[in-house]
Amino acid sequence: MAGQIRALSPGQSFSRTKRIDLKDKDRSTTADALAKLRNLVNQAVGRVRTATGSNFRVESTVGVTDDKLALLATVAATRMDDGADEEVDI
């Protein structure tokens, strides 16, 4: 994953999505799954930031599938213009 993030040009994004089946799940399980996914991407971005000095924005979203039986949790890392004044992690 870090290699794919490192290869991004400014303005390009890398995303990772996890399908979370809603059957027998509660909100804390869903929140934990999103937190684990976000942490996974954040760790990879952190390694690339340290190695390259590039700026990234990490964002996450959750959507419901059409059949309403699952959630799709997505975390995206976007390489920002390296001349940006600040690093943003949302």
N, C-alpha and C. Protein backbone atom coordinates (compact mmCIF):
# COMPACT_ATOMS: atom_id res chain seq x y z
N MET A 1 0.82 -1.18 0.00
CA MET A 1 0.00 0.00 0.00
C MET A 1 0.87 1.26 0.00
N ALA A 2 1.92 1.28 0.80
CA ALA A 2 2.79 2.46 0.86
C ALA A 2 3.41 2.76 -0.50
N GLY A 3 3.76 1.71 -1.25
CA GLY A 3 4.34 1.90 -2.58
C GLY A 3 3.35 2.56 -3.53
N GLN A 4 2.09 2.18 -3.45
CA GLN A 4 1.07 2.79 -4.29
C GLN A 4 0.85 4.25 -3.90
N ILE A 5 0.87 4.54 -2.62
CA ILE A 5 0.69 5.92 -2.15
C ILE A 5 1.90 6.76 -2.54
N ARG A 6 3.09 6.21 -2.42
CA ARG A 6 4.31 6.93 -2.79
C ARG A 6 4.31 7.31 -4.27
N ALA A 7 3.70 6.48 -5.11
CA ALA A 7 3.70 6.71 -6.56
C ALA A 7 2.68 7.76 -7.01
N LEU A 8 1.84 8.25 -6.10
CA LEU A 8 0.83 9.24 -6.48
C LEU A 8 1.46 10.57 -6.89
N SER A 9 0.89 11.17 -7.91
CA SER A 9 1.24 12.54 -8.30
C SER A 9 0.31 13.48 -7.54
N PRO A 10 0.70 14.75 -7.37
CA PRO A 10 -0.20 15.68 -6.70
C PRO A 10 -1.59 15.68 -7.35
N GLY A 11 -2.61 15.58 -6.51
CA GLY A 11 -3.99 15.55 -6.98
C GLY A 11 -4.54 14.14 -7.16
N GLN A 12 -3.68 13.14 -7.19
CA GLN A 12 -4.14 11.76 -7.33
C GLN A 12 -4.44 11.16 -5.96
N SER A 13 -5.36 10.18 -5.95
CA SER A 13 -5.76 9.53 -4.71
C SER A 13 -5.60 8.02 -4.76
N PHE A 14 -5.39 7.45 -3.60
CA PHE A 14 -5.40 6.01 -3.39
C PHE A 14 -6.54 5.75 -2.42
N SER A 15 -7.35 4.73 -2.67
CA SER A 15 -8.42 4.43 -1.72
C SER A 15 -8.46 2.95 -1.40
N ARG A 16 -8.97 2.67 -0.23
CA ARG A 16 -9.17 1.31 0.24
C ARG A 16 -10.60 1.26 0.76
N THR A 17 -11.36 0.24 0.33
CA THR A 17 -12.76 0.10 0.72
C THR A 17 -12.98 -1.25 1.37
N LYS A 18 -13.79 -1.26 2.41
CA LYS A 18 -14.14 -2.50 3.10
C LYS A 18 -15.66 -2.60 3.17
N ARG A 19 -16.18 -3.76 2.77
CA ARG A 19 -17.61 -4.02 2.87
C ARG A 19 -17.89 -4.57 4.26
N ILE A 20 -18.83 -3.96 4.96
CA ILE A 20 -19.18 -4.37 6.32
C ILE A 20 -20.62 -4.88 6.30
N ASP A 21 -20.78 -6.18 6.44
CA ASP A 21 -22.10 -6.80 6.45
C ASP A 21 -22.85 -6.33 7.70
N LEU A 22 -24.08 -5.88 7.53
CA LEU A 22 -24.84 -5.36 8.67
C LEU A 22 -25.53 -6.46 9.48
N LYS A 23 -25.57 -7.65 8.95
CA LYS A 23 -26.19 -8.75 9.68
C LYS A 23 -25.38 -9.04 10.94
N ASP A 24 -26.06 -9.05 12.06
CA ASP A 24 -25.42 -9.35 13.35
C ASP A 24 -24.32 -8.36 13.73
N LYS A 25 -24.38 -7.14 13.23
CA LYS A 25 -23.38 -6.12 13.59
C LYS A 25 -24.06 -5.01 14.39
N ASP A 26 -23.30 -4.41 15.26
CA ASP A 26 -23.82 -3.24 15.95
C ASP A 26 -22.95 -2.03 15.60
N ARG A 27 -23.33 -0.88 16.07
CA ARG A 27 -22.61 0.35 15.70
C ARG A 27 -21.15 0.33 16.14
N SER A 28 -20.87 -0.23 17.29
CA SER A 28 -19.47 -0.23 17.75
C SER A 28 -18.61 -1.11 16.85
N THR A 29 -19.14 -2.22 16.36
CA THR A 29 -18.40 -3.08 15.44
C THR A 29 -18.12 -2.34 14.14
N THR A 30 -19.13 -1.62 13.64
CA THR A 30 -18.98 -0.85 12.42
C THR A 30 -17.95 0.26 12.60
N ALA A 31 -18.03 0.96 13.71
CA ALA A 31 -17.07 2.03 14.00
C ALA A 31 -15.66 1.47 14.13
N ASP A 32 -15.53 0.31 14.74
CA ASP A 32 -14.21 -0.33 14.88
C ASP A 32 -13.63 -0.70 13.51
N ALA A 33 -14.48 -1.22 12.63
CA ALA A 33 -14.02 -1.60 11.29
C ALA A 33 -13.52 -0.38 10.52
N LEU A 34 -14.24 0.74 10.61
CA LEU A 34 -13.80 1.97 9.94
C LEU A 34 -12.51 2.49 10.57
N ALA A 35 -12.42 2.44 11.88
CA ALA A 35 -11.21 2.92 12.57
C ALA A 35 -9.99 2.08 12.16
N LYS A 36 -10.16 0.76 12.05
CA LYS A 36 -9.04 -0.10 11.65
C LYS A 36 -8.61 0.20 10.22
N LEU A 37 -9.59 0.40 9.34
CA LEU A 37 -9.28 0.72 7.95
C LEU A 37 -8.55 2.06 7.86
N ARG A 38 -9.06 3.06 8.57
CA ARG A 38 -8.44 4.39 8.57
C ARG A 38 -7.03 4.33 9.13
N ASN A 39 -6.84 3.56 10.21
CA ASN A 39 -5.52 3.43 10.82
C ASN A 39 -4.53 2.78 9.85
N LEU A 40 -5.00 1.77 9.11
CA LEU A 40 -4.15 1.10 8.13
C LEU A 40 -3.65 2.09 7.07
N VAL A 41 -4.55 2.90 6.54
CA VAL A 41 -4.16 3.89 5.52
C VAL A 41 -3.30 4.99 6.15
N ASN A 42 -3.65 5.45 7.34
CA ASN A 42 -2.87 6.49 8.01
C ASN A 42 -1.43 6.05 8.26
N GLN A 43 -1.24 4.79 8.63
CA GLN A 43 0.12 4.29 8.87
C GLN A 43 0.94 4.32 7.59
N ALA A 44 0.34 3.88 6.49
CA ALA A 44 1.05 3.88 5.20
C ALA A 44 1.37 5.31 4.77
N VAL A 45 0.41 6.22 4.94
CA VAL A 45 0.64 7.63 4.58
C VAL A 45 1.74 8.22 5.45
N GLY A 46 1.73 7.89 6.72
CA GLY A 46 2.77 8.39 7.62
C GLY A 46 4.16 7.97 7.19
N ARG A 47 4.30 6.71 6.77
CA ARG A 47 5.61 6.23 6.30
C ARG A 47 6.05 6.98 5.05
N VAL A 48 5.09 7.23 4.14
CA VAL A 48 5.43 7.94 2.90
C VAL A 48 5.74 9.41 3.20
N ARG A 49 4.99 10.04 4.09
CA ARG A 49 5.27 11.43 4.49
C ARG A 49 6.69 11.55 5.04
N THR A 50 7.04 10.63 5.90
CA THR A 50 8.37 10.65 6.51
C THR A 50 9.46 10.47 5.46
N ALA A 51 9.25 9.56 4.55
CA ALA A 51 10.27 9.25 3.54
C ALA A 51 10.40 10.32 2.46
N THR A 52 9.29 10.96 2.10
CA THR A 52 9.31 11.87 0.95
C THR A 52 9.09 13.34 1.29
N GLY A 53 8.49 13.61 2.44
CA GLY A 53 8.16 14.99 2.79
C GLY A 53 6.92 15.50 2.07
N SER A 54 6.25 14.64 1.33
CA SER A 54 5.04 15.04 0.60
C SER A 54 3.87 15.26 1.55
N ASN A 55 2.92 16.09 1.12
CA ASN A 55 1.72 16.36 1.91
C ASN A 55 0.56 15.52 1.40
N PHE A 56 -0.24 15.00 2.32
CA PHE A 56 -1.39 14.17 1.98
C PHE A 56 -2.60 14.60 2.79
N ARG A 57 -3.77 14.36 2.22
CA ARG A 57 -5.03 14.52 2.93
C ARG A 57 -5.65 13.13 3.01
N VAL A 58 -6.06 12.71 4.21
CA VAL A 58 -6.70 11.42 4.41
C VAL A 58 -8.15 11.68 4.82
N GLU A 59 -9.08 11.09 4.06
CA GLU A 59 -10.50 11.30 4.31
C GLU A 59 -11.23 9.97 4.30
N SER A 60 -12.34 9.90 5.01
CA SER A 60 -13.11 8.66 5.03
C SER A 60 -14.59 8.95 4.87
N THR A 61 -15.31 7.94 4.37
CA THR A 61 -16.75 8.04 4.20
C THR A 61 -17.35 6.65 4.32
N VAL A 62 -18.63 6.60 4.64
CA VAL A 62 -19.35 5.34 4.73
C VAL A 62 -20.65 5.49 3.96
N GLY A 63 -20.95 4.52 3.12
CA GLY A 63 -22.20 4.51 2.37
C GLY A 63 -22.92 3.19 2.56
N VAL A 64 -24.21 3.20 2.30
CA VAL A 64 -25.03 1.99 2.41
C VAL A 64 -25.23 1.40 1.03
N THR A 65 -25.12 0.08 0.92
CA THR A 65 -25.34 -0.58 -0.36
C THR A 65 -26.80 -0.45 -0.77
N ASP A 66 -27.08 -0.63 -2.07
CA ASP A 66 -28.44 -0.49 -2.58
C ASP A 66 -29.43 -1.41 -1.88
N ASP A 67 -28.99 -2.62 -1.53
CA ASP A 67 -29.89 -3.56 -0.86
C ASP A 67 -29.98 -3.32 0.65
N LYS A 68 -29.24 -2.35 1.14
CA LYS A 68 -29.22 -1.95 2.55
C LYS A 68 -28.79 -3.07 3.51
N LEU A 69 -28.02 -4.02 2.98
CA LEU A 69 -27.55 -5.13 3.79
C LEU A 69 -26.10 -4.96 4.25
N ALA A 70 -25.44 -3.92 3.75
CA ALA A 70 -24.04 -3.72 4.10
C ALA A 70 -23.66 -2.25 3.99
N LEU A 71 -22.57 -1.91 4.64
CA LEU A 71 -21.97 -0.58 4.52
C LEU A 71 -20.68 -0.73 3.72
N LEU A 72 -20.35 0.29 2.97
CA LEU A 72 -19.07 0.35 2.28
C LEU A 72 -18.28 1.49 2.93
N ALA A 73 -17.24 1.13 3.65
CA ALA A 73 -16.38 2.12 4.29
C ALA A 73 -15.18 2.36 3.40
N THR A 74 -14.93 3.61 3.06
CA THR A 74 -13.83 3.95 2.17
C THR A 74 -12.93 4.99 2.84
N VAL A 75 -11.64 4.77 2.74
CA VAL A 75 -10.65 5.74 3.20
C VAL A 75 -9.78 6.08 1.99
N ALA A 76 -9.63 7.37 1.74
CA ALA A 76 -8.83 7.83 0.59
C ALA A 76 -7.69 8.70 1.07
N ALA A 77 -6.53 8.51 0.47
CA ALA A 77 -5.36 9.35 0.71
C ALA A 77 -5.06 10.08 -0.59
N THR A 78 -5.05 11.39 -0.54
CA THR A 78 -4.79 12.21 -1.73
C THR A 78 -3.48 12.96 -1.53
N ARG A 79 -2.60 12.86 -2.50
CA ARG A 79 -1.35 13.63 -2.43
C ARG A 79 -1.68 15.07 -2.83
N MET A 80 -1.32 15.97 -1.97
CA MET A 80 -1.57 17.38 -2.19
C MET A 80 -0.35 18.00 -2.87
N ASP A 81 -0.50 19.20 -3.35
CA ASP A 81 0.61 19.93 -3.94
C ASP A 81 1.71 20.05 -2.90
N ASP A 82 2.90 19.61 -3.24
CA ASP A 82 4.00 19.63 -2.27
C ASP A 82 4.37 21.04 -1.83
N GLY A 83 3.89 22.05 -2.53
CA GLY A 83 4.14 23.42 -2.13
C GLY A 83 3.10 23.96 -1.15
N ALA A 84 2.14 23.10 -0.74
CA ALA A 84 1.09 23.54 0.17
C ALA A 84 1.69 23.94 1.51
N ASP A 85 1.05 24.91 2.13
CA ASP A 85 1.55 25.45 3.38
C ASP A 85 1.29 24.55 4.58
N GLU A 86 0.22 23.75 4.51
CA GLU A 86 -0.10 22.96 5.68
C GLU A 86 -0.55 21.57 5.27
N GLU A 87 -0.39 20.65 6.20
CA GLU A 87 -0.82 19.28 6.03
C GLU A 87 -2.21 19.16 6.65
N VAL A 88 -3.13 18.53 5.95
CA VAL A 88 -4.48 18.40 6.46
C VAL A 88 -4.83 16.94 6.59
N ASP A 89 -5.32 16.54 7.75
CA ASP A 89 -5.77 15.16 8.00
C ASP A 89 -7.16 15.25 8.59
N ILE A 90 -8.15 14.91 7.78
CA ILE A 90 -9.55 15.06 8.21
C ILE A 90 -10.09 13.73 8.67
